[in-house]
Amino acid sequence: MTATSVATTYSSTGALDTLPSTFWGYRRPDGTVGIRNHLLVVPATSSANTVARRVAAMIPGCIALPLLDDDAEATESRTLTELVLAGAAASPNAGASIVIGLNQSGGEAERVLQQARALSPGKPIEGFSIDETGGSIRAISRGVEIGQQLMSRLFMQQREEASVAELIIGTECGGSDATSGMASNPTVGVMSDIIVDMGGTTILSETTELMGAEHVLARRARNDEVARRIVEIVANVEKAANAVGATVAGGNPTPGNMAGGLTTIEEKSLGCIYKAGSREIQDVLNYAQRPTRKGLHIMDTPGHDCVSVSAKASAGAHLCVFTTGRGTALGNAVYPVIKVCANPDTVAMMRDNFDFDASPIVLGLSTKEELGRQLYTLMIEICSGQLASAELIGHQEFCIHRHISEYLL
């Protein structure tokens, strides 16, 4: 859906109360609301990937979460992996989940299962290990049996009206060019402000792309501790890079960013933070940590699109709004990813992958305020069941961050 087509239906002027303040979602036992009603199959180790995929393939509407690791993670990294997997299984967008491990003695399935149940009490989350069933074939059979039972329960659920105040929305940018900071990101910033003003929650991430702009964000922190944390996470990224003989600025902007007109990390960062709008920053979250307050948050994630998008999905976000100038096809297995682009050439070249055209700002035909309201309305429609382009195409990517200490061993 383009900005123009949205504008023909919805007014681009007026007060906040002219915008929808509710959406239609699925109420969960823990009180949260999901915008999708997925049955997720979550492999607790990459050795269970094939079983998870086969189970999902035999149950219409079921999604297998892809897990890319080598089963040889350091302890710190493995702990984070299991936290992220549990967060995905407990996502409000999952009506039910199945966790599948390899070895019962290894305990990975049980650990993920227990964490997921703690995150979303009352949600039907089941789990088992391949060895306890007698091998992969029997494990697939068991997974299908459990999945069919769970799916029959999901089919009985109906959407109900819920307040925007219950939404958690992630923001992301990737393949950025000059139009990102000029148009796409400011448009998302307007949308973020509307969500926060409605009582909802938004998350800005990718710490490497805050470098050079951290002092700007720190001035918007709700207290000194949050301000300190903003500065600290950016400093930690540079320390980690220095530990392996590199610098963040040495790899940022990327060659693609520079080809798109960006010149320095500061320029890229100042454009990036427009996605956070202008509201007070409530907290700094660790990777995949769930927010406990309403309002705008920063999440400490690497500057890698899939890894960052997946972190917010596991943190309980319902949807991600992703801006790009040079184009991307990335989606996610857990939540919808709305694509926003303001580069007219990229919009024409990759129109299949975009949900919202912000190029009218670049062309002098609209403003960020007008398009921000239209993007907000589109977001509500997708929360209520309309599919984003990445969902229609079938993009179900998912990646997890690995601690740098793992590579220094």
Foldseek 3Di string as FASTA:
>chain_A
DALVVLCVPAPLDDDLVSADFKFWFFAAPQGATALAAEAEEEELDQVCQVLQVLLQVVDPRHFYAHADDDVDADPVQSVQSLLLSLLLQLANNYQEYEYEYADVVVVSSVSSQVNNCVSGPPRHYYYDYQVVLPHSVSSSVVSNVVVVVSVVVSVPTGIDMDGLLSAEEEEAEDLAFPVLLVWVLLLLLLLQVSSLVSNAEYEAEALLLQPLVLCVLLVQAPDNVQSVVSVVLNVVVQVLQVVVPHGSFVCPPHPSHVVRPDDGSNSRSSSRCSNNHRHHEYHEAEQLAADPHGGYYYYYDHNDGQQNVSSVSSNRHREYEYEHAQDDQAAAQRHGYAYEYQHVVNCVVPVLRHDYHRVCVVVVNDDSSSSSSSVSNVVSVVSNPDHHSSVVVPHHHHYHDGDSVRVVD
